[in-house]
PDB file of N, CA and C in Angstrom:
ATOM      1  N   MET A   1      -0.669   6.018  -7.464  1.00  0.00           N
ATOM      2  CA  MET A   1      -0.921   4.480  -8.039  1.00  0.00           C
ATOM      3  C   MET A   1      -0.699   4.067  -6.594  1.00  0.00           C
ATOM      4  N   LEU A   2       0.011   4.003  -6.138  1.00  0.00           N
ATOM      5  CA  LEU A   2       0.826   3.357  -4.555  1.00  0.00           C
ATOM      6  C   LEU A   2      -0.304   4.239  -3.469  1.00  0.00           C
ATOM      7  N   ALA A   3      -0.906   4.688  -3.695  1.00  0.00           N
ATOM      8  CA  ALA A   3      -1.865   5.015  -2.221  1.00  0.00           C
ATOM      9  C   ALA A   3      -3.105   4.048  -3.095  1.00  0.00           C
ATOM     10  N   ILE A   4      -3.185   3.681  -3.767  1.00  0.00           N
ATOM     11  CA  ILE A   4      -4.063   3.420  -4.502  1.00  0.00           C
ATOM     12  C   ILE A   4      -3.700   1.941  -3.766  1.00  0.00           C
ATOM     13  N   ILE A   5      -3.172   1.182  -4.200  1.00  0.00           N
ATOM     14  CA  ILE A   5      -2.470  -0.078  -3.543  1.00  0.00           C
ATOM     15  C   ILE A   5      -2.056  -0.358  -2.028  1.00  0.00           C
ATOM     16  N   ALA A   6      -1.475   0.598  -1.895  1.00  0.00           N
ATOM     17  CA  ALA A   6      -1.702   1.064  -0.174  1.00  0.00           C
ATOM     18  C   ALA A   6      -2.932   0.901   0.311  1.00  0.00           C
ATOM     19  N   ALA A   7      -4.293   1.076   0.103  1.00  0.00           N
ATOM     20  CA  ALA A   7      -5.255   0.858   0.689  1.00  0.00           C
ATOM     21  C   ALA A   7      -5.701  -0.099   0.799  1.00  0.00           C
ATOM     22  N   VAL A   8      -5.366  -1.462  -1.140  1.00  0.00           N
ATOM     23  CA  VAL A   8      -6.371  -1.805  -1.113  1.00  0.00           C
ATOM     24  C   VAL A   8      -5.258  -3.248   0.181  1.00  0.00           C
ATOM     25  N   ALA A   9      -4.048  -2.873  -0.180  1.00  0.00           N
ATOM     26  CA  ALA A   9      -3.026  -4.271   1.055  1.00  0.00           C
ATOM     27  C   ALA A   9      -3.756  -3.651   2.422  1.00  0.00           C
ATOM     28  N   PHE A  10      -4.596  -2.112   2.780  1.00  0.00           N
ATOM     29  CA  PHE A  10      -4.949  -1.895   4.454  1.00  0.00           C
ATOM     30  C   PHE A  10      -6.010  -3.202   4.119  1.00  0.00           C
ATOM     31  N   PHE A  11      -6.695  -2.607   2.644  1.00  0.00           N
ATOM     32  CA  PHE A  11      -8.897  -3.847   2.733  1.00  0.00           C
ATOM     33  C   PHE A  11      -8.133  -5.165   3.271  1.00  0.00           C
ATOM     34  N   ILE A  12      -6.695  -5.694   2.384  1.00  0.00           N
ATOM     35  CA  ILE A  12      -6.876  -7.179   2.674  1.00  0.00           C
ATOM     36  C   ILE A  12      -6.695  -7.482   3.718  1.00  0.00           C
ATOM     37  N   ALA A  13      -5.527  -6.238   4.817  1.00  0.00           N
ATOM     38  CA  ALA A  13      -5.187  -6.738   5.684  1.00  0.00           C
ATOM     39  C   ALA A  13      -6.637  -6.794   7.007  1.00  0.00           C
ATOM     40  N   PHE A  14      -7.348  -5.513   6.486  1.00  0.00           N
ATOM     41  CA  PHE A  14      -8.210  -5.729   7.671  1.00  0.00           C
ATOM     42  C   PHE A  14      -8.812  -7.338   7.767  1.00  0.00           C
ATOM     43  N   LEU A  15      -8.990  -7.527   6.218  1.00  0.00           N
ATOM     44  CA  LEU A  15     -10.124  -8.863   6.196  1.00  0.00           C
ATOM     45  C   LEU A  15      -9.428 -10.114   7.109  1.00  0.00           C
ATOM     46  N   ILE A  16      -8.118 -10.350   6.767  1.00  0.00           N
ATOM     47  CA  ILE A  16      -7.432 -10.520   6.997  1.00  0.00           C
ATOM     48  C   ILE A  16      -7.860 -11.107   8.989  1.00  0.00           C
ATOM     49  N   ASN A  17      -7.317 -10.155   9.798  1.00  0.00           N
ATOM     50  CA  ASN A  17      -7.553  -9.653  10.936  1.00  0.00           C
ATOM     51  C   ASN A  17      -9.332  -9.930  11.421  1.00  0.00           C
ATOM     52  N   ALA A  18      -9.912  -9.389  11.252  1.00  0.00           N
ATOM     53  CA  ALA A  18     -11.930  -9.827  11.063  1.00  0.00           C
ATOM     54  C   ALA A  18     -11.873 -11.018  10.945  1.00  0.00           C
ATOM     55  N   ALA A  19     -11.594 -11.462   9.361  1.00  0.00           N
ATOM     56  CA  ALA A  19     -11.779 -12.958   9.682  1.00  0.00           C
ATOM     57  C   ALA A  19     -11.081 -14.186  10.295  1.00  0.00           C
ATOM     58  N   GLU A  20      -9.947 -13.435  10.872  1.00  0.00           N
ATOM     59  CA  GLU A  20      -8.927 -14.822  11.885  1.00  0.00           C
ATOM     60  C   GLU A  20      -8.697 -15.931  11.117  1.00  0.00           C
ATOM     61  N   ILE A  21      -8.339 -15.375   9.603  1.00  0.00           N
ATOM     62  CA  ILE A  21      -7.833 -15.839   8.401  1.00  0.00           C
ATOM     63  C   ILE A  21      -6.251 -16.773   8.802  1.00  0.00           C
ATOM     64  N   SER A  22      -5.348 -17.839   9.168  1.00  0.00           N
ATOM     65  CA  SER A  22      -5.221 -18.413   9.059  1.00  0.00           C
ATOM     66  C   SER A  22      -4.163 -18.174   8.384  1.00  0.00           C
ATOM     67  N   THR A  23      -2.793 -17.832   8.254  1.00  0.00           N
ATOM     68  CA  THR A  23      -2.007 -17.380   7.127  1.00  0.00           C
ATOM     69  C   THR A  23      -0.988 -18.316   7.579  1.00  0.00           C
ATOM     70  N   ASN A  24       0.876 -18.208   6.225  1.00  0.00           N
ATOM     71  CA  ASN A  24       1.158 -18.683   7.285  1.00  0.00           C
ATOM     72  C   ASN A  24       2.754 -17.583   7.613  1.00  0.00           C
ATOM     73  N   ASP A  25       3.490 -18.021   8.255  1.00  0.00           N
ATOM     74  CA  ASP A  25       4.278 -16.575   8.776  1.00  0.00           C
ATOM     75  C   ASP A  25       4.919 -15.135   7.960  1.00  0.00           C
ATOM     76  N   ILE A  26       4.349 -15.147   6.447  1.00  0.00           N
ATOM     77  CA  ILE A  26       4.834 -14.477   6.113  1.00  0.00           C
ATOM     78  C   ILE A  26       3.766 -13.710   5.816  1.00  0.00           C
ATOM     79  N   PHE A  27       2.804 -13.925   5.551  1.00  0.00           N
ATOM     80  CA  PHE A  27       1.125 -13.244   5.040  1.00  0.00           C
ATOM     81  C   PHE A  27       0.303 -13.306   6.118  1.00  0.00           C
ATOM     82  N   THR A  28       1.462 -12.501   7.164  1.00  0.00           N
ATOM     83  CA  THR A  28       0.254 -11.846   7.968  1.00  0.00           C
ATOM     84  C   THR A  28      -0.526 -11.205   7.884  1.00  0.00           C
ATOM     85  N   SER A  29      -1.854 -10.395   8.712  1.00  0.00           N
ATOM     86  CA  SER A  29      -2.035  -9.062   8.528  1.00  0.00           C
ATOM     87  C   SER A  29      -1.103  -7.741   8.845  1.00  0.00           C
ATOM     88  N   THR A  30       0.103  -8.382  10.120  1.00  0.00           N
ATOM     89  CA  THR A  30       0.563  -7.066  10.119  1.00  0.00           C
ATOM     90  C   THR A  30       1.511  -7.226   9.463  1.00  0.00           C
ATOM     91  N   ASN A  31       2.467  -7.943   8.349  1.00  0.00           N
ATOM     92  CA  ASN A  31       3.079  -8.071   7.127  1.00  0.00           C
ATOM     93  C   ASN A  31       2.588  -6.763   6.217  1.00  0.00           C
ATOM     94  N   VAL A  32       1.044  -7.016   5.911  1.00  0.00           N
ATOM     95  CA  VAL A  32       0.704  -7.049   5.201  1.00  0.00           C
ATOM     96  C   VAL A  32       0.082  -4.683   5.037  1.00  0.00           C
ATOM     97  N   MET A  33      -0.291  -4.406   6.349  1.00  0.00           N
ATOM     98  CA  MET A  33      -0.013  -3.709   6.548  1.00  0.00           C
ATOM     99  C   MET A  33       0.756  -2.811   6.875  1.00  0.00           C
ATOM    100  N   LEU A  34       1.841  -3.312   7.285  1.00  0.00           N
ATOM    101  CA  LEU A  34       3.467  -2.670   6.752  1.00  0.00           C
ATOM    102  C   LEU A  34       3.739  -2.024   5.452  1.00  0.00           C
ATOM    103  N   LEU A  35       3.188  -3.705   4.694  1.00  0.00           N
ATOM    104  CA  LEU A  35       3.751  -3.677   3.672  1.00  0.00           C
ATOM    105  C   LEU A  35       2.587  -1.824   2.673  1.00  0.00           C
ATOM    106  N   GLY A  36       1.568  -1.766   3.696  1.00  0.00           N
ATOM    107  CA  GLY A  36       0.780  -0.885   3.298  1.00  0.00           C
ATOM    108  C   GLY A  36       1.379   0.350   3.298  1.00  0.00           C
ATOM    109  N   LEU A  37       1.641   0.383   4.972  1.00  0.00           N
ATOM    110  CA  LEU A  37       2.512   1.641   4.771  1.00  0.00           C
ATOM    111  C   LEU A  37       3.724   2.273   4.255  1.00  0.00           C
ATOM    112  N   THR A  38       5.062   1.055   3.773  1.00  0.00           N
ATOM    113  CA  THR A  38       5.693   1.605   3.273  1.00  0.00           C
ATOM    114  C   THR A  38       5.481   2.079   2.043  1.00  0.00           C
ATOM    115  N   LEU A  39       4.459   1.504   0.381  1.00  0.00           N
ATOM    116  CA  LEU A  39       2.952   2.045  -0.824  1.00  0.00           C
ATOM    117  C   LEU A  39       3.256   3.170   0.323  1.00  0.00           C
ATOM    118  N   LEU A  40       2.202   3.809   1.161  1.00  0.00           N
ATOM    119  CA  LEU A  40       2.233   4.628   1.227  1.00  0.00           C
ATOM    120  C   LEU A  40       3.189   6.117   1.756  1.00  0.00           C
ATOM    121  N   ALA A  41       4.086   5.403   2.590  1.00  0.00           N
ATOM    122  CA  ALA A  41       5.413   6.831   2.840  1.00  0.00           C
ATOM    123  C   ALA A  41       5.508   6.631   1.172  1.00  0.00           C
ATOM    124  N   LEU A  42       5.442   5.932   0.206  1.00  0.00           N
ATOM    125  CA  LEU A  42       6.584   5.854  -0.693  1.00  0.00           C
ATOM    126  C   LEU A  42       5.958   6.869  -1.635  1.00  0.00           C
ATOM    127  N   HIS A  43       4.842   7.164  -1.571  1.00  0.00           N
ATOM    128  CA  HIS A  43       3.176   8.291  -2.098  1.00  0.00           C
ATOM    129  C   HIS A  43       3.856   8.803  -1.875  1.00  0.00           C
ATOM    130  N   VAL A  44       3.769   9.740  -0.317  1.00  0.00           N
ATOM    131  CA  VAL A  44       3.250  10.637  -0.123  1.00  0.00           C
ATOM    132  C   VAL A  44       4.680  11.309  -0.530  1.00  0.00           C
ATOM    133  N   ALA A  45       5.837  10.126  -0.144  1.00  0.00           N
ATOM    134  CA  ALA A  45       7.756  11.150  -0.566  1.00  0.00           C
ATOM    135  C   ALA A  45       7.599  11.450  -2.283  1.00  0.00           C
ATOM    136  N   GLY A  46       6.451  11.088  -3.068  1.00  0.00           N
ATOM    137  CA  GLY A  46       6.578  11.318  -4.173  1.00  0.00           C
ATOM    138  C   GLY A  46       6.498  10.838  -4.877  1.00  0.00           C
ATOM    139  N   ILE A  47       7.174   9.491  -4.917  1.00  0.00           N
ATOM    140  CA  ILE A  47       7.810   8.713  -6.080  1.00  0.00           C
ATOM    141  C   ILE A  47       6.358   7.269  -6.569  1.00  0.00           C
ATOM    142  N   GLY A  48       6.259   7.237  -7.209  1.00  0.00           N
ATOM    143  CA  GLY A  48       4.770   6.452  -7.812  1.00  0.00           C
ATOM    144  C   GLY A  48       3.935   7.337  -8.265  1.00  0.00           C
ATOM    145  N   GLY A  49       3.947   8.814  -8.183  1.00  0.00           N
ATOM    146  CA  GLY A  49       3.270  10.202  -7.587  1.00  0.00           C
ATOM    147  C   GLY A  49       2.036  10.332  -9.184  1.00  0.00           C
ATOM    148  N   GLY A  50       3.080  10.120 -10.101  1.00  0.00           N
ATOM    149  CA  GLY A  50       2.036   9.846 -11.899  1.00  0.00           C
ATOM    150  C   GLY A  50       3.132  11.055 -12.716  1.00  0.00           C
ATOM    151  N   TRP A  51       1.713  11.967 -12.874  1.00  0.00           N
ATOM    152  CA  TRP A  51       2.562  13.071 -13.521  1.00  0.00           C
ATOM    153  C   TRP A  51       3.227  14.366 -13.035  1.00  0.00           C
ATOM    154  N   SER A  52       4.664  14.695 -14.118  1.00  0.00           N
ATOM    155  CA  SER A  52       5.006  15.577 -13.001  1.00  0.00           C
ATOM    156  C   SER A  52       4.897  16.924 -14.453  1.00  0.00           C
ATOM    157  N   GLY A  53       4.940  18.370 -13.424  1.00  0.00           N
ATOM    158  CA  GLY A  53       4.645  19.222 -14.008  1.00  0.00           C
ATOM    159  C   GLY A  53       5.777  19.487 -13.730  1.00  0.00           C
ATOM    160  N   ARG A  54       6.979  19.392 -13.959  1.00  0.00           N
ATOM    161  CA  ARG A  54       8.793  19.992 -14.648  1.00  0.00           C
ATOM    162  C   ARG A  54       8.463  19.464 -15.974  1.00  0.00           C
ATOM    163  N   GLY A  55       7.962  18.313 -15.967  1.00  0.00           N
ATOM    164  CA  GLY A  55       8.632  17.583 -17.288  1.00  0.00           C
ATOM    165  C   GLY A  55       7.906  18.264 -17.965  1.00  0.00           C
ATOM    166  N   ARG A  56       6.737  18.370 -18.632  1.00  0.00           N
ATOM    167  CA  ARG A  56       5.954  19.497 -19.718  1.00  0.00           C
ATOM    168  C   ARG A  56       6.721  19.783 -19.920  1.00  0.00           C
ATOM    169  N   ARG A  57       6.356  20.141 -21.449  1.00  0.00           N
ATOM    170  CA  ARG A  57       6.302  20.931 -22.456  1.00  0.00           C
ATOM    171  C   ARG A  57       4.956  21.803 -23.032  1.00  0.00           C
ATOM    172  N   ARG A  58       5.235  22.332 -23.213  1.00  0.00           N
ATOM    173  CA  ARG A  58       3.899  23.551 -24.202  1.00  0.00           C
ATOM    174  C   ARG A  58       4.305  23.409 -25.642  1.00  0.00           C
TER     175      ARG A  58
END
């Protein structure tokens, strides 16, 4: 789930950068890209992955 949110954040950062939209100091394309990288790192670390094989019983 976090990887999908990271992909959306990367797409928003790309749109801000490509369209040269002027935003405030907090919502810049670089900050959105760094937020996407943080979400992607959390996904790779296993946080927010969804299903867990250990917690399932038959």
